[in-house]
C-alpha atoms as a PDB file:
ATOM      1  CA  UNK A   1     142.226 254.094  84.073  1.00  0.00           C
ATOM      2  CA  UNK A   2     141.708 250.258  84.898  1.00  0.00           C
ATOM      3  CA  UNK A   3     144.764 248.540  83.466  1.00  0.00           C
ATOM      4  CA  UNK A   4     147.707 248.107  81.050  1.00  0.00           C
ATOM      5  CA  UNK A   5     145.534 247.220  78.169  1.00  0.00           C
ATOM      6  CA  UNK A   6     143.637 250.508  78.305  1.00  0.00           C
ATOM      7  CA  UNK A   7     146.796 252.274  78.609  1.00  0.00           C
ATOM      8  CA  UNK A   8     148.098 250.490  75.446  1.00  0.00           C
ATOM      9  CA  UNK A   9     144.886 251.311  73.525  1.00  0.00           C
ATOM     10  CA  UNK A  10     145.110 254.985  74.519  1.00  0.00           C
ATOM     11  CA  UNK A  11     148.635 255.339  73.232  1.00  0.00           C
ATOM     12  CA  UNK A  12     147.910 252.961  70.258  1.00  0.00           C
ATOM     13  CA  UNK A  13     150.975 250.840  70.955  1.00  0.00           C
ATOM     14  CA  UNK A  14     151.388 247.182  71.942  1.00  0.00           C
ATOM     15  CA  UNK A  15     150.832 245.848  75.550  1.00  0.00           C
ATOM     16  CA  UNK A  16     154.086 244.329  75.501  1.00  0.00           C
ATOM     17  CA  UNK A  17     155.790 247.761  74.689  1.00  0.00           C
ATOM     18  CA  UNK A  18     153.950 249.526  77.408  1.00  0.00           C
ATOM     19  CA  UNK A  19     154.917 246.701  79.811  1.00  0.00           C
ATOM     20  CA  UNK A  20     158.636 246.954  78.982  1.00  0.00           C
ATOM     21  CA  UNK A  21     158.601 250.728  79.299  1.00  0.00           C
ATOM     22  CA  UNK A  22     156.830 250.731  82.661  1.00  0.00           C
ATOM     23  CA  UNK A  23     159.336 247.950  83.924  1.00  0.00           C
ATOM     24  CA  UNK A  24     162.371 250.124  82.600  1.00  0.00           C
ATOM     25  CA  UNK A  25     163.573 247.439  79.968  1.00  0.00           C
ATOM     26  CA  UNK A  26     166.530 248.755  77.974  1.00  0.00           C
ATOM     27  CA  UNK A  27     165.068 247.703  74.647  1.00  0.00           C
ATOM     28  CA  UNK A  28     162.524 250.251  74.621  1.00  0.00           C
ATOM     29  CA  UNK A  29     163.083 253.666  72.785  1.00  0.00           C
ATOM     30  CA  UNK A  30     163.663 256.509  75.176  1.00  0.00           C
ATOM     31  CA  UNK A  31     160.885 258.715  73.514  1.00  0.00           C
ATOM     32  CA  UNK A  32     158.446 255.765  73.736  1.00  0.00           C
ATOM     33  CA  UNK A  33     159.381 255.176  77.391  1.00  0.00           C
ATOM     34  CA  UNK A  34     158.765 259.007  78.332  1.00  0.00           C
ATOM     35  CA  UNK A  35     155.554 258.894  76.471  1.00  0.00           C
ATOM     36  CA  UNK A  36     154.335 255.877  78.245  1.00  0.00           C
ATOM     37  CA  UNK A  37     155.243 256.990  81.752  1.00  0.00           C
ATOM     38  CA  UNK A  38     153.753 260.464  80.983  1.00  0.00           C
ATOM     39  CA  UNK A  39     150.371 258.948  79.975  1.00  0.00           C
ATOM     40  CA  UNK A  40     150.478 256.600  83.033  1.00  0.00           C
ATOM     41  CA  UNK A  41     150.786 259.420  85.217  1.00  0.00           C
ATOM     42  CA  UNK A  42     148.132 261.493  83.528  1.00  0.00           C
ATOM     43  CA  UNK A  43     145.574 258.765  83.301  1.00  0.00           C
ATOM     44  CA  UNK A  44     146.169 257.316  86.901  1.00  0.00           C
ATOM     45  CA  UNK A  45     147.513 253.923  85.770  1.00  0.00           C
ATOM     46  CA  UNK A  46     148.613 251.769  88.732  1.00  0.00           C
ATOM     47  CA  UNK A  47     150.251 248.433  87.989  1.00  0.00           C
ATOM     48  CA  UNK A  48     148.535 245.352  89.166  1.00  0.00           C
ATOM     49  CA  UNK A  49     151.137 244.234  91.808  1.00  0.00           C
ATOM     50  CA  UNK A  50     149.168 240.957  92.627  1.00  0.00           C
ATOM     51  CA  UNK A  51     149.416 239.786  89.053  1.00  0.00           C
ATOM     52  CA  UNK A  52     153.051 241.013  88.664  1.00  0.00           C
ATOM     53  CA  UNK A  53     153.893 239.104  91.961  1.00  0.00           C
ATOM     54  CA  UNK A  54     152.210 236.011  90.742  1.00  0.00           C
ATOM     55  CA  UNK A  55     154.121 236.031  87.397  1.00  0.00           C
ATOM     56  CA  UNK A  56     157.457 236.827  89.012  1.00  0.00           C
ATOM     57  CA  UNK A  57     157.024 234.751  92.248  1.00  0.00           C
ATOM     58  CA  UNK A  58     157.962 237.591  94.468  1.00  0.00           C
ATOM     59  CA  UNK A  59     156.060 240.066  96.341  1.00  0.00           C
ATOM     60  CA  UNK A  60     158.855 242.534  97.341  1.00  0.00           C
ATOM     61  CA  UNK A  61     157.343 242.363 100.734  1.00  0.00           C
ATOM     62  CA  UNK A  62     159.019 241.558 104.239  1.00  0.00           C
ATOM     63  CA  UNK A  63     156.845 240.538 107.035  1.00  0.00           C
ATOM     64  CA  UNK A  64     157.736 241.252 110.726  1.00  0.00           C
ATOM     65  CA  UNK A  65     155.571 239.107 112.901  1.00  0.00           C
ATOM     66  CA  UNK A  66     154.580 240.516 116.285  1.00  0.00           C
ATOM     67  CA  UNK A  67     152.525 239.316 119.165  1.00  0.00           C
ATOM     68  CA  UNK A  68     150.092 241.838 120.367  1.00  0.00           C
ATOM     69  CA  UNK A  69     147.454 242.174 123.037  1.00  0.00           C
ATOM     70  CA  UNK A  70     145.405 244.911 124.731  1.00  0.00           C
ATOM     71  CA  UNK A  71     148.157 245.279 127.299  1.00  0.00           C
ATOM     72  CA  UNK A  72     150.818 246.009 124.703  1.00  0.00           C
ATOM     73  CA  UNK A  73     148.570 248.541 122.945  1.00  0.00           C
ATOM     74  CA  UNK A  74     147.821 250.396 126.139  1.00  0.00           C
ATOM     75  CA  UNK A  75     151.345 250.556 127.290  1.00  0.00           C
ATOM     76  CA  UNK A  76     152.510 251.836 123.877  1.00  0.00           C
ATOM     77  CA  UNK A  77     155.701 249.895 123.858  1.00  0.00           C
ATOM     78  CA  UNK A  78     157.876 251.679 121.468  1.00  0.00           C
ATOM     79  CA  UNK A  79     160.510 248.944 121.056  1.00  0.00           C
ATOM     80  CA  UNK A  80     159.469 247.790 117.558  1.00  0.00           C
ATOM     81  CA  UNK A  81     158.857 251.369 116.438  1.00  0.00           C
ATOM     82  CA  UNK A  82     162.611 251.986 116.783  1.00  0.00           C
ATOM     83  CA  UNK A  83     163.532 248.661 115.242  1.00  0.00           C
ATOM     84  CA  UNK A  84     161.208 249.045 112.248  1.00  0.00           C
ATOM     85  CA  UNK A  85     162.856 252.467 111.607  1.00  0.00           C
ATOM     86  CA  UNK A  86     166.247 250.692 111.115  1.00  0.00           C
ATOM     87  CA  UNK A  87     164.704 247.895 109.180  1.00  0.00           C
ATOM     88  CA  UNK A  88     163.070 250.347 106.740  1.00  0.00           C
ATOM     89  CA  UNK A  89     166.458 252.088 106.233  1.00  0.00           C
ATOM     90  CA  UNK A  90     167.851 248.900 104.774  1.00  0.00           C
ATOM     91  CA  UNK A  91     164.924 247.684 102.800  1.00  0.00           C
ATOM     92  CA  UNK A  92     164.333 250.982 101.185  1.00  0.00           C
ATOM     93  CA  UNK A  93     167.763 250.553  99.372  1.00  0.00           C
ATOM     94  CA  UNK A  94     166.226 247.559  97.526  1.00  0.00           C
ATOM     95  CA  UNK A  95     162.664 248.947  97.160  1.00  0.00           C
ATOM     96  CA  UNK A  96     161.448 246.419  99.503  1.00  0.00           C
ATOM     97  CA  UNK A  97     158.287 247.074 101.735  1.00  0.00           C
ATOM     98  CA  UNK A  98     157.819 245.995 105.260  1.00  0.00           C
ATOM     99  CA  UNK A  99     154.357 244.919 106.674  1.00  0.00           C
ATOM    100  CA  UNK A 100     153.552 244.071 110.238  1.00  0.00           C
ATOM    101  CA  UNK A 101     151.958 240.728 110.964  1.00  0.00           C
ATOM    102  CA  UNK A 102     150.251 241.274 114.386  1.00  0.00           C
ATOM    103  CA  UNK A 103     149.237 237.887 115.914  1.00  0.00           C
ATOM    104  CA  UNK A 104     146.643 238.239 118.568  1.00  0.00           C
ATOM    105  CA  UNK A 105     147.501 237.032 122.122  1.00  0.00           C
ATOM    106  CA  UNK A 106     144.472 234.598 121.919  1.00  0.00           C
ATOM    107  CA  UNK A 107     145.813 232.950 119.027  1.00  0.00           C
ATOM    108  CA  UNK A 108     148.324 230.226 118.648  1.00  0.00           C
ATOM    109  CA  UNK A 109     151.367 231.881 116.837  1.00  0.00           C
ATOM    110  CA  UNK A 110     152.193 228.755 115.047  1.00  0.00           C
ATOM    111  CA  UNK A 111     148.682 228.449 113.396  1.00  0.00           C
ATOM    112  CA  UNK A 112     148.663 232.386 112.767  1.00  0.00           C
ATOM    113  CA  UNK A 113     151.923 231.937 110.852  1.00  0.00           C
ATOM    114  CA  UNK A 114     151.052 228.777 109.216  1.00  0.00           C
ATOM    115  CA  UNK A 115     148.079 230.984 107.671  1.00  0.00           C
ATOM    116  CA  UNK A 116     150.319 233.763 106.637  1.00  0.00           C
ATOM    117  CA  UNK A 117     152.632 231.246 104.976  1.00  0.00           C
ATOM    118  CA  UNK A 118     149.902 229.567 102.999  1.00  0.00           C
ATOM    119  CA  UNK A 119     148.715 232.976 101.701  1.00  0.00           C
ATOM    120  CA  UNK A 120     152.257 233.795 100.242  1.00  0.00           C
ATOM    121  CA  UNK A 121     151.962 237.452 101.548  1.00  0.00           C
ATOM    122  CA  UNK A 122     155.733 238.057 101.917  1.00  0.00           C
ATOM    123  CA  UNK A 123     159.087 236.992 100.478  1.00  0.00           C
ATOM    124  CA  UNK A 124     160.810 236.613 103.888  1.00  0.00           C
ATOM    125  CA  UNK A 125     159.932 236.995 107.620  1.00  0.00           C
ATOM    126  CA  UNK A 126     161.302 238.310 110.877  1.00  0.00           C
ATOM    127  CA  UNK A 127     159.890 236.342 113.919  1.00  0.00           C
ATOM    128  CA  UNK A 128     160.040 237.714 117.495  1.00  0.00           C
ATOM    129  CA  UNK A 129     159.158 236.678 120.940  1.00  0.00           C
ATOM    130  CA  UNK A 130     160.941 233.358 120.414  1.00  0.00           C
ATOM    131  CA  UNK A 131     159.974 230.714 122.798  1.00  0.00           C
ATOM    132  CA  UNK A 132     162.059 227.988 124.531  1.00  0.00           C
ATOM    133  CA  UNK A 133     160.477 225.560 121.914  1.00  0.00           C
ATOM    134  CA  UNK A 134     159.147 227.293 119.065  1.00  0.00           C
ATOM    135  CA  UNK A 135     157.251 225.393 116.415  1.00  0.00           C
ATOM    136  CA  UNK A 136     157.361 228.256 113.920  1.00  0.00           C
ATOM    137  CA  UNK A 137     161.155 227.729 113.196  1.00  0.00           C
ATOM    138  CA  UNK A 138     160.533 224.242 111.754  1.00  0.00           C
ATOM    139  CA  UNK A 139     157.356 225.525 109.795  1.00  0.00           C
ATOM    140  CA  UNK A 140     159.452 228.219 108.166  1.00  0.00           C
ATOM    141  CA  UNK A 141     162.565 225.772 107.494  1.00  0.00           C
ATOM    142  CA  UNK A 142     160.152 223.245 105.946  1.00  0.00           C
ATOM    143  CA  UNK A 143     158.436 226.002 103.699  1.00  0.00           C
ATOM    144  CA  UNK A 144     162.032 227.276 102.755  1.00  0.00           C
ATOM    145  CA  UNK A 145     161.101 230.840 103.308  1.00  0.00           C
ATOM    146  CA  UNK A 146     164.023 233.083 104.257  1.00  0.00           C
ATOM    147  CA  UNK A 147     163.724 234.242 107.856  1.00  0.00           C
ATOM    148  CA  UNK A 148     165.464 235.620 110.937  1.00  0.00           C
ATOM    149  CA  UNK A 149     164.501 235.146 114.528  1.00  0.00           C
ATOM    150  CA  UNK A 150     164.776 237.997 116.749  1.00  0.00           C
ATOM    151  CA  UNK A 151     165.658 235.924 119.910  1.00  0.00           C
ATOM    152  CA  UNK A 152     167.160 232.503 120.147  1.00  0.00           C
ATOM    153  CA  UNK A 153     165.293 229.298 120.835  1.00  0.00           C
ATOM    154  CA  UNK A 154     166.084 225.866 121.993  1.00  0.00           C
ATOM    155  CA  UNK A 155     164.271 224.250 119.052  1.00  0.00           C
ATOM    156  CA  UNK A 156     167.421 223.439 116.982  1.00  0.00           C
ATOM    157  CA  UNK A 157     167.868 223.721 113.200  1.00  0.00           C
ATOM    158  CA  UNK A 158     170.208 225.756 111.373  1.00  0.00           C
ATOM    159  CA  UNK A 159     168.320 229.109 111.250  1.00  0.00           C
ATOM    160  CA  UNK A 160     169.784 232.659 111.620  1.00  0.00           C
ATOM    161  CA  UNK A 161     169.002 234.680 114.709  1.00  0.00           C
ATOM    162  CA  UNK A 162     169.825 237.819 116.531  1.00  0.00           C
ATOM    163  CA  UNK A 163     169.256 238.287 120.280  1.00  0.00           C
ATOM    164  CA  UNK A 164     170.000 240.893 122.784  1.00  0.00           C
ATOM    165  CA  UNK A 165     172.763 240.095 125.344  1.00  0.00           C
ATOM    166  CA  UNK A 166     170.547 239.079 128.257  1.00  0.00           C
ATOM    167  CA  UNK A 167     173.366 237.124 129.611  1.00  0.00           C
ATOM    168  CA  UNK A 168     175.360 240.073 129.954  1.00  0.00           C
ATOM    169  CA  UNK A 169     172.597 242.119 131.551  1.00  0.00           C
ATOM    170  CA  UNK A 170     172.040 239.628 134.420  1.00  0.00           C
ATOM    171  CA  UNK A 171     175.914 239.116 134.903  1.00  0.00           C
ATOM    172  CA  UNK A 172     176.821 242.797 134.772  1.00  0.00           C
ATOM    173  CA  UNK A 173     173.611 243.781 136.927  1.00  0.00           C
ATOM    174  CA  UNK A 174     174.787 241.122 139.603  1.00  0.00           C
ATOM    175  CA  UNK A 175     178.258 242.210 139.521  1.00  0.00           C
ATOM    176  CA  UNK A 176     177.337 245.871 139.925  1.00  0.00           C
ATOM    177  CA  UNK A 177     175.080 245.332 142.757  1.00  0.00           C
ATOM    178  CA  UNK A 178     177.264 242.824 144.733  1.00  0.00           C
ATOM    179  CA  UNK A 179     180.163 245.373 144.444  1.00  0.00           C
ATOM    180  CA  UNK A 180     177.897 247.818 146.318  1.00  0.00           C
ATOM    181  CA  UNK A 181     177.232 245.269 149.107  1.00  0.00           C
ATOM    182  CA  UNK A 182     174.052 243.625 147.972  1.00  0.00           C
ATOM    183  CA  UNK A 183     173.324 239.898 148.375  1.00  0.00           C
ATOM    184  CA  UNK A 184     169.564 239.780 148.437  1.00  0.00           C
ATOM    185  CA  UNK A 185     169.087 240.556 144.683  1.00  0.00           C
ATOM    186  CA  UNK A 186     165.669 239.948 143.250  1.00  0.00           C
ATOM    187  CA  UNK A 187     164.790 239.775 139.538  1.00  0.00           C
ATOM    188  CA  UNK A 188     161.550 240.529 137.734  1.00  0.00           C
ATOM    189  CA  UNK A 189     161.445 237.928 134.955  1.00  0.00           C
ATOM    190  CA  UNK A 190     158.809 237.337 132.197  1.00  0.00           C
ATOM    191  CA  UNK A 191     155.723 235.305 133.132  1.00  0.00           C
ATOM    192  CA  UNK A 192     155.577 233.814 129.664  1.00  0.00           C
ATOM    193  CA  UNK A 193     157.528 230.962 128.240  1.00  0.00           C
ATOM    194  CA  UNK A 194     159.520 233.429 125.938  1.00  0.00           C
ATOM    195  CA  UNK A 195     163.216 232.119 125.724  1.00  0.00           C
ATOM    196  CA  UNK A 196     164.971 235.345 126.902  1.00  0.00           C
ATOM    197  CA  UNK A 197     163.470 234.754 130.277  1.00  0.00           C
ATOM    198  CA  UNK A 198     165.308 231.352 130.675  1.00  0.00           C
ATOM    199  CA  UNK A 199     168.536 232.831 129.179  1.00  0.00           C
ATOM    200  CA  UNK A 200     168.444 235.759 131.730  1.00  0.00           C
ATOM    201  CA  UNK A 201     167.748 233.514 134.703  1.00  0.00           C
ATOM    202  CA  UNK A 202     170.257 231.025 133.898  1.00  0.00           C
ATOM    203  CA  UNK A 203     172.917 233.907 133.840  1.00  0.00           C
ATOM    204  CA  UNK A 204     171.529 235.386 136.957  1.00  0.00           C
ATOM    205  CA  UNK A 205     172.069 231.914 138.747  1.00  0.00           C
ATOM    206  CA  UNK A 206     175.597 231.746 137.432  1.00  0.00           C
ATOM    207  CA  UNK A 207     176.509 235.218 138.522  1.00  0.00           C
ATOM    208  CA  UNK A 208     175.218 234.586 142.091  1.00  0.00           C
ATOM    209  CA  UNK A 209     177.210 231.284 142.056  1.00  0.00           C
ATOM    210  CA  UNK A 210     180.280 233.108 140.975  1.00  0.00           C
ATOM    211  CA  UNK A 211     180.014 235.467 144.035  1.00  0.00           C
ATOM    212  CA  UNK A 212     179.379 232.737 146.412  1.00  0.00           C
ATOM    213  CA  UNK A 213     175.565 233.737 146.933  1.00  0.00           C
ATOM    214  CA  UNK A 214     172.873 230.913 147.486  1.00  0.00           C
ATOM    215  CA  UNK A 215     170.170 230.973 144.788  1.00  0.00           C
ATOM    216  CA  UNK A 216     166.763 231.742 146.368  1.00  0.00           C
ATOM    217  CA  UNK A 217     163.768 231.069 144.234  1.00  0.00           C
ATOM    218  CA  UNK A 218     161.657 233.473 146.384  1.00  0.00           C
ATOM    219  CA  UNK A 219     163.528 236.352 144.658  1.00  0.00           C
ATOM    220  CA  UNK A 220     162.374 235.416 141.093  1.00  0.00           C
ATOM    221  CA  UNK A 221     159.271 237.670 140.533  1.00  0.00           C
ATOM    222  CA  UNK A 222     157.516 236.589 137.470  1.00  0.00           C
ATOM    223  CA  UNK A 223     155.308 239.405 135.881  1.00  0.00           C
ATOM    224  CA  UNK A 224     154.249 240.621 132.604  1.00  0.00           C
ATOM    225  CA  UNK A 225     156.626 242.859 130.640  1.00  0.00           C
ATOM    226  CA  UNK A 226     154.781 245.952 131.095  1.00  0.00           C
ATOM    227  CA  UNK A 227     154.088 248.995 133.364  1.00  0.00           C
ATOM    228  CA  UNK A 228     151.468 246.897 135.166  1.00  0.00           C
ATOM    229  CA  UNK A 229     153.952 244.095 135.478  1.00  0.00           C
ATOM    230  CA  UNK A 230     156.529 246.540 137.200  1.00  0.00           C
ATOM    231  CA  UNK A 231     153.816 247.640 139.602  1.00  0.00           C
ATOM    232  CA  UNK A 232     153.066 243.945 140.437  1.00  0.00           C
ATOM    233  CA  UNK A 233     156.611 243.292 140.846  1.00  0.00           C
ATOM    234  CA  UNK A 234     156.970 246.099 143.278  1.00  0.00           C
ATOM    235  CA  UNK A 235     153.818 244.800 145.224  1.00  0.00           C
ATOM    236  CA  UNK A 236     155.315 241.138 145.388  1.00  0.00           C
ATOM    237  CA  UNK A 237     158.712 242.516 146.489  1.00  0.00           C
ATOM    238  CA  UNK A 238     157.245 244.237 149.295  1.00  0.00           C
ATOM    239  CA  UNK A 239     155.724 240.955 150.615  1.00  0.00           C
ATOM    240  CA  UNK A 240     158.788 238.960 150.651  1.00  0.00           C
ATOM    241  CA  UNK A 241     159.616 238.300 154.527  1.00  0.00           C
ATOM    242  CA  UNK A 242     163.352 238.901 154.165  1.00  0.00           C
ATOM    243  CA  UNK A 243     163.081 241.814 151.839  1.00  0.00           C
ATOM    244  CA  UNK A 244     165.593 242.085 148.999  1.00  0.00           C
ATOM    245  CA  UNK A 245     167.842 245.217 148.822  1.00  0.00           C
ATOM    246  CA  UNK A 246     168.068 245.283 145.105  1.00  0.00           C
ATOM    247  CA  UNK A 247     166.212 244.277 141.987  1.00  0.00           C
ATOM    248  CA  UNK A 248     167.066 243.813 138.297  1.00  0.00           C
ATOM    249  CA  UNK A 249     164.197 244.292 135.775  1.00  0.00           C
ATOM    250  CA  UNK A 250     164.000 242.575 132.437  1.00  0.00           C
ATOM    251  CA  UNK A 251     161.857 245.065 130.340  1.00  0.00           C
ATOM    252  CA  UNK A 252     161.835 248.833 129.841  1.00  0.00           C
ATOM    253  CA  UNK A 253     158.426 249.698 131.078  1.00  0.00           C
ATOM    254  CA  UNK A 254     158.677 247.672 134.312  1.00  0.00           C
ATOM    255  CA  UNK A 255     160.605 250.480 135.958  1.00  0.00           C
ATOM    256  CA  UNK A 256     157.436 252.896 135.773  1.00  0.00           C
ATOM    257  CA  UNK A 257     155.163 250.675 137.428  1.00  0.00           C
ATOM    258  CA  UNK A 258     157.710 249.767 139.965  1.00  0.00           C
ATOM    259  CA  UNK A 259     158.497 253.284 140.937  1.00  0.00           C
ATOM    260  CA  UNK A 260     154.833 253.967 141.277  1.00  0.00           C
ATOM    261  CA  UNK A 261     154.316 250.935 143.843  1.00  0.00           C
ATOM    262  CA  UNK A 262     157.631 251.990 145.717  1.00  0.00           C
ATOM    263  CA  UNK A 263     156.193 255.495 146.179  1.00  0.00           C
ATOM    264  CA  UNK A 264     152.916 254.221 147.560  1.00  0.00           C
ATOM    265  CA  UNK A 265     154.989 252.333 150.211  1.00  0.00           C
ATOM    266  CA  UNK A 266     157.247 255.284 150.909  1.00  0.00           C
ATOM    267  CA  UNK A 267     160.259 253.459 149.567  1.00  0.00           C
ATOM    268  CA  UNK A 268     162.743 255.563 147.548  1.00  0.00           C
ATOM    269  CA  UNK A 269     164.790 253.917 144.711  1.00  0.00           C
ATOM    270  CA  UNK A 270     168.586 254.715 145.142  1.00  0.00           C
ATOM    271  CA  UNK A 271     168.138 255.013 148.933  1.00  0.00           C
ATOM    272  CA  UNK A 272     166.114 252.248 150.271  1.00  0.00           C
ATOM    273  CA  UNK A 273     166.027 249.776 147.150  1.00  0.00           C
ATOM    274  CA  UNK A 274     168.634 249.651 144.367  1.00  0.00           C
ATOM    275  CA  UNK A 275     167.088 249.236 140.985  1.00  0.00           C
ATOM    276  CA  UNK A 276     168.579 248.373 137.716  1.00  0.00           C
ATOM    277  CA  UNK A 277     166.546 248.220 134.528  1.00  0.00           C
ATOM    278  CA  UNK A 278     166.184 248.891 130.796  1.00  0.00           C
ATOM    279  CA  UNK A 279     165.944 252.470 129.385  1.00  0.00           C
ATOM    280  CA  UNK A 280     163.358 253.433 126.907  1.00  0.00           C
ATOM    281  CA  UNK A 281     163.441 256.953 125.544  1.00  0.00           C
ATOM    282  CA  UNK A 282     161.544 259.129 126.439  1.00  0.00           C
ATOM    283  CA  UNK A 283     159.386 257.321 128.851  1.00  0.00           C
ATOM    284  CA  UNK A 284     162.033 256.278 131.482  1.00  0.00           C
ATOM    285  CA  UNK A 285     164.363 259.134 130.810  1.00  0.00           C
ATOM    286  CA  UNK A 286     162.371 261.359 133.238  1.00  0.00           C
ATOM    287  CA  UNK A 287     162.141 258.893 136.233  1.00  0.00           C
ATOM    288  CA  UNK A 288     163.577 260.251 139.369  1.00  0.00           C
ATOM    289  CA  UNK A 289     165.859 259.218 140.704  1.00  0.00           C
ATOM    290  CA  UNK A 290     167.465 258.399 137.307  1.00  0.00           C
ATOM    291  CA  UNK A 291     167.481 254.777 136.455  1.00  0.00           C
ATOM    292  CA  UNK A 292     170.773 252.768 136.100  1.00  0.00           C
ATOM    293  CA  UNK A 293     169.885 251.074 133.038  1.00  0.00           C
ATOM    294  CA  UNK A 294     170.938 249.025 129.991  1.00  0.00           C
ATOM    295  CA  UNK A 295     170.309 250.673 126.812  1.00  0.00           C
ATOM    296  CA  UNK A 296     171.050 250.348 122.894  1.00  0.00           C
ATOM    297  CA  UNK A 297     170.118 251.901 119.657  1.00  0.00           C
ATOM    298  CA  UNK A 298     166.946 250.428 118.406  1.00  0.00           C
ATOM    299  CA  UNK A 299     167.595 251.841 114.890  1.00  0.00           C
ATOM    300  CA  UNK A 300     170.970 250.339 114.710  1.00  0.00           C
ATOM    301  CA  UNK A 301     169.571 247.073 115.914  1.00  0.00           C
ATOM    302  CA  UNK A 302     166.831 247.111 113.247  1.00  0.00           C
ATOM    303  CA  UNK A 303     169.336 247.925 110.478  1.00  0.00           C
ATOM    304  CA  UNK A 304     171.631 245.175 111.437  1.00  0.00           C
ATOM    305  CA  UNK A 305     168.343 242.688 111.658  1.00  0.00           C
ATOM    306  CA  UNK A 306     167.440 243.943 108.300  1.00  0.00           C
ATOM    307  CA  UNK A 307     170.926 243.312 106.562  1.00  0.00           C
ATOM    308  CA  UNK A 308     171.058 239.898 108.503  1.00  0.00           C
ATOM    309  CA  UNK A 309     167.661 238.815 106.796  1.00  0.00           C
ATOM    310  CA  UNK A 310     168.685 240.113 103.280  1.00  0.00           C
ATOM    311  CA  UNK A 311     171.975 238.174 103.609  1.00  0.00           C
ATOM    312  CA  UNK A 312     169.845 234.934 103.781  1.00  0.00           C
ATOM    313  CA  UNK A 313     167.956 235.778 100.519  1.00  0.00           C
ATOM    314  CA  UNK A 314     169.852 234.732  97.355  1.00  0.00           C
ATOM    315  CA  UNK A 315     168.560 237.981  95.402  1.00  0.00           C
ATOM    316  CA  UNK A 316     170.447 240.216  97.925  1.00  0.00           C
ATOM    317  CA  UNK A 317     173.059 238.017  99.737  1.00  0.00           C
ATOM    318  CA  UNK A 318     176.029 239.551  97.582  1.00  0.00           C
ATOM    319  CA  UNK A 319     175.212 242.841  98.946  1.00  0.00           C
ATOM    320  CA  UNK A 320     175.749 241.538 102.485  1.00  0.00           C
ATOM    321  CA  UNK A 321     178.600 238.767 102.542  1.00  0.00           C
ATOM    322  CA  UNK A 322     179.061 239.053 106.321  1.00  0.00           C
ATOM    323  CA  UNK A 323     175.633 239.292 107.394  1.00  0.00           C
ATOM    324  CA  UNK A 324     174.092 235.802 107.464  1.00  0.00           C
ATOM    325  CA  UNK A 325     175.519 234.894 110.860  1.00  0.00           C
ATOM    326  CA  UNK A 326     174.005 234.630 114.432  1.00  0.00           C
ATOM    327  CA  UNK A 327     174.674 237.668 116.618  1.00  0.00           C
ATOM    328  CA  UNK A 328     174.245 238.726 120.279  1.00  0.00           C
ATOM    329  CA  UNK A 329     173.635 242.410 120.317  1.00  0.00           C
ATOM    330  CA  UNK A 330     175.568 244.319 122.986  1.00  0.00           C
ATOM    331  CA  UNK A 331     173.919 246.719 125.520  1.00  0.00           C
ATOM    332  CA  UNK A 332     175.489 249.672 127.176  1.00  0.00           C
ATOM    333  CA  UNK A 333     175.244 250.077 131.080  1.00  0.00           C
ATOM    334  CA  UNK A 334     174.372 253.643 132.024  1.00  0.00           C
ATOM    335  CA  UNK A 335     174.910 254.541 135.672  1.00  0.00           C
ATOM    336  CA  UNK A 336     172.220 256.468 137.341  1.00  0.00           C
ATOM    337  CA  UNK A 337     170.984 257.260 140.768  1.00  0.00           C
ATOM    338  CA  UNK A 338     168.693 254.206 141.324  1.00  0.00           C
ATOM    339  CA  UNK A 339     171.413 252.147 142.681  1.00  0.00           C
ATOM    340  CA  UNK A 340     173.692 254.869 144.184  1.00  0.00           C
ATOM    341  CA  UNK A 341     173.924 253.713 147.760  1.00  0.00           C
ATOM    342  CA  UNK A 342     176.269 251.156 149.120  1.00  0.00           C
ATOM    343  CA  UNK A 343     175.378 248.726 151.903  1.00  0.00           C
ATOM    344  CA  UNK A 344     177.832 248.512 154.700  1.00  0.00           C
ATOM    345  CA  UNK A 345     178.022 245.952 157.571  1.00  0.00           C
END
């Protein structure tokens, strides 16, 4: 079966009647509707969604833009798998589909997004990995495409965003470690210009100042947000002349690489070095000693992100009257054994 014309000829009724029956219009006789639907299923008729989208001006598709690289694939970062589960739970209520828009790491994200916008592939977008200055925000505002940024930016504008509480991670991590006697506290921060790194480090500096601890730039270790990055962070930590007694990690997978490098040097987390990180199930769950970590429900984050996006879209805003506002997503600190010891003297 090639299309609606052939289906109408097979049934010997008008194309208009077939179209209204397939789209559930109320002015179609119920017997006719059942006859049309049965014939469509029997003959394998599939609606031309491209043509319908052109006529209606909508695609019923939401895009999630990701930045991907060989490293992210090899590390099997499950963050967005959990988030998309939550997104789908919301979009399915409205028969909306979610598509991934993977931007290769060797392409400018702004140019990639400009191409996607020109092709009109989606009705709305979620962008991630926001930078300190992110040209994608201005692009989407000018194109008047509904969007939500997963992560804040200093680019300005009146866009809607959601972000994790990276200020709280730095502040609470420093507070916890200082309470255990630590003053040489290192941090493993992103090597890219992603904005969360700036937010995290600003809060880290403020927390040190609050405790009367001088800021030492030598304790900022910039690495990739991956297992390999964690391994590199461990290597660089061991090279610091006045070695830190504690480290806070900014990404889930870093702990795995860090533990490996420390083991090679005969250093035991929770005994020789205090470690605070993020928890990703199930990969970091089995680290020994158990990791003191910040965690959250990725599914809940994704669901709130989806509702926030739909609240910016006129067709769905009435369903989510409280959704179109900026939010900082809280994280729970779960004590483990990786920072169990207390320094004395």
